[in-house]
Amino acid sequence: MDLKQLAYFVAVVEEGNITKAAARLHISQPPLSTQIRLLEEDLGIKLLDRGPRQISLSEAGQLLYC
């Protein structure tokens, strides 16, 4: 886990959408998704519940975001 991954996580949470977060961060969507997935793997928990158009926080994601 690094600070960049945490910043990406915060952007995704605040935007509620990976595509919008990627635009805000000025990166493309695939690397952002990869970094979020790597963060989840490093922590060993699921942080986001991914829907077809929106992202919501899992219980663990809520704890990390607070």
C-alpha atoms as a PDB file:
ATOM      1  CA  MET A   1       0.000   0.000   0.000  1.00  0.00           C
ATOM      2  CA  ASP A   2       1.228   3.472  -0.797  1.00  0.00           C
ATOM      3  CA  LEU A   3      -0.111   7.003  -0.552  1.00  0.00           C
ATOM      4  CA  LYS A   4      -0.905   7.143  -4.265  1.00  0.00           C
ATOM      5  CA  GLN A   5      -3.241   4.152  -3.913  1.00  0.00           C
ATOM      6  CA  LEU A   6      -4.952   5.797  -0.947  1.00  0.00           C
ATOM      7  CA  ALA A   7      -5.388   9.037  -2.902  1.00  0.00           C
ATOM      8  CA  TYR A   8      -6.894   7.054  -5.764  1.00  0.00           C
ATOM      9  CA  PHE A   9      -9.228   5.288  -3.348  1.00  0.00           C
ATOM     10  CA  VAL A  10     -10.409   8.635  -1.928  1.00  0.00           C
ATOM     11  CA  ALA A  11     -11.032  10.010  -5.429  1.00  0.00           C
ATOM     12  CA  VAL A  12     -13.112   6.964  -6.377  1.00  0.00           C
ATOM     13  CA  VAL A  13     -15.148   7.256  -3.181  1.00  0.00           C
ATOM     14  CA  GLU A  14     -15.746  10.984  -3.631  1.00  0.00           C
ATOM     15  CA  GLU A  15     -16.676  10.663  -7.296  1.00  0.00           C
ATOM     16  CA  GLY A  16     -18.711   7.470  -6.828  1.00  0.00           C
ATOM     17  CA  ASN A  17     -17.506   6.260 -10.207  1.00  0.00           C
ATOM     18  CA  ILE A  18     -14.146   4.996 -11.444  1.00  0.00           C
ATOM     19  CA  THR A  19     -14.409   6.742 -14.810  1.00  0.00           C
ATOM     20  CA  LYS A  20     -15.136  10.119 -13.190  1.00  0.00           C
ATOM     21  CA  ALA A  21     -12.343   9.586 -10.661  1.00  0.00           C
ATOM     22  CA  ALA A  22      -9.914   8.757 -13.471  1.00  0.00           C
ATOM     23  CA  ALA A  23     -10.850  11.980 -15.258  1.00  0.00           C
ATOM     24  CA  ARG A  24     -10.370  13.938 -12.028  1.00  0.00           C
ATOM     25  CA  LEU A  25      -6.951  12.355 -11.520  1.00  0.00           C
ATOM     26  CA  HIS A  26      -5.979  12.832 -15.188  1.00  0.00           C
ATOM     27  CA  ILE A  27      -5.286   9.131 -15.722  1.00  0.00           C
ATOM     28  CA  SER A  28      -7.077   6.466 -17.704  1.00  0.00           C
ATOM     29  CA  GLN A  29      -9.565   4.101 -16.111  1.00  0.00           C
ATOM     30  CA  PRO A  30      -7.675   0.771 -16.423  1.00  0.00           C
ATOM     31  CA  PRO A  31      -4.624   1.831 -14.348  1.00  0.00           C
ATOM     32  CA  LEU A  32      -6.916   3.319 -11.711  1.00  0.00           C
ATOM     33  CA  SER A  33      -8.904   0.091 -11.457  1.00  0.00           C
ATOM     34  CA  THR A  34      -5.647  -1.850 -11.220  1.00  0.00           C
ATOM     35  CA  GLN A  35      -4.358   0.303  -8.375  1.00  0.00           C
ATOM     36  CA  ILE A  36      -7.612  -0.053  -6.432  1.00  0.00           C
ATOM     37  CA  ARG A  37      -7.529  -3.833  -6.952  1.00  0.00           C
ATOM     38  CA  LEU A  38      -3.884  -3.954  -5.771  1.00  0.00           C
ATOM     39  CA  LEU A  39      -4.807  -1.941  -2.673  1.00  0.00           C
ATOM     40  CA  GLU A  40      -7.577  -4.421  -1.906  1.00  0.00           C
ATOM     41  CA  GLU A  41      -5.163  -7.324  -2.395  1.00  0.00           C
ATOM     42  CA  ASP A  42      -2.506  -5.710  -0.167  1.00  0.00           C
ATOM     43  CA  LEU A  43      -5.041  -5.192   2.603  1.00  0.00           C
ATOM     44  CA  GLY A  44      -6.736  -8.538   2.032  1.00  0.00           C
ATOM     45  CA  ILE A  45     -10.205  -6.986   2.072  1.00  0.00           C
ATOM     46  CA  LYS A  46     -12.828  -5.784  -0.384  1.00  0.00           C
ATOM     47  CA  LEU A  47     -13.109  -2.007  -0.163  1.00  0.00           C
ATOM     48  CA  LEU A  48     -15.642  -1.290  -2.880  1.00  0.00           C
ATOM     49  CA  ASP A  49     -18.881  -2.858  -4.025  1.00  0.00           C
ATOM     50  CA  ARG A  50     -18.877  -2.372  -7.770  1.00  0.00           C
ATOM     51  CA  GLY A  51     -22.183  -1.861  -9.540  1.00  0.00           C
ATOM     52  CA  PRO A  52     -22.844  -1.348 -13.239  1.00  0.00           C
ATOM     53  CA  ARG A  53     -22.729   2.442 -12.966  1.00  0.00           C
ATOM     54  CA  GLN A  54     -21.778   3.324  -9.434  1.00  0.00           C
ATOM     55  CA  ILE A  55     -19.386   2.326  -6.702  1.00  0.00           C
ATOM     56  CA  SER A  56     -20.362   1.975  -3.066  1.00  0.00           C
ATOM     57  CA  LEU A  57     -18.193   1.354  -0.048  1.00  0.00           C
ATOM     58  CA  SER A  58     -18.055  -1.977   1.667  1.00  0.00           C
ATOM     59  CA  GLU A  59     -18.004  -1.960   5.456  1.00  0.00           C
ATOM     60  CA  ALA A  60     -14.199  -2.185   5.397  1.00  0.00           C
ATOM     61  CA  GLY A  61     -14.084   0.613   2.814  1.00  0.00           C
ATOM     62  CA  GLN A  62     -16.157   2.823   5.088  1.00  0.00           C
ATOM     63  CA  LEU A  63     -13.703   2.254   7.922  1.00  0.00           C
ATOM     64  CA  LEU A  64     -10.708   3.072   5.727  1.00  0.00           C
ATOM     65  CA  TYR A  65     -12.369   6.198   4.311  1.00  0.00           C
ATOM     66  CA  CYS A  66     -13.241   7.602   7.746  1.00  0.00           C
END
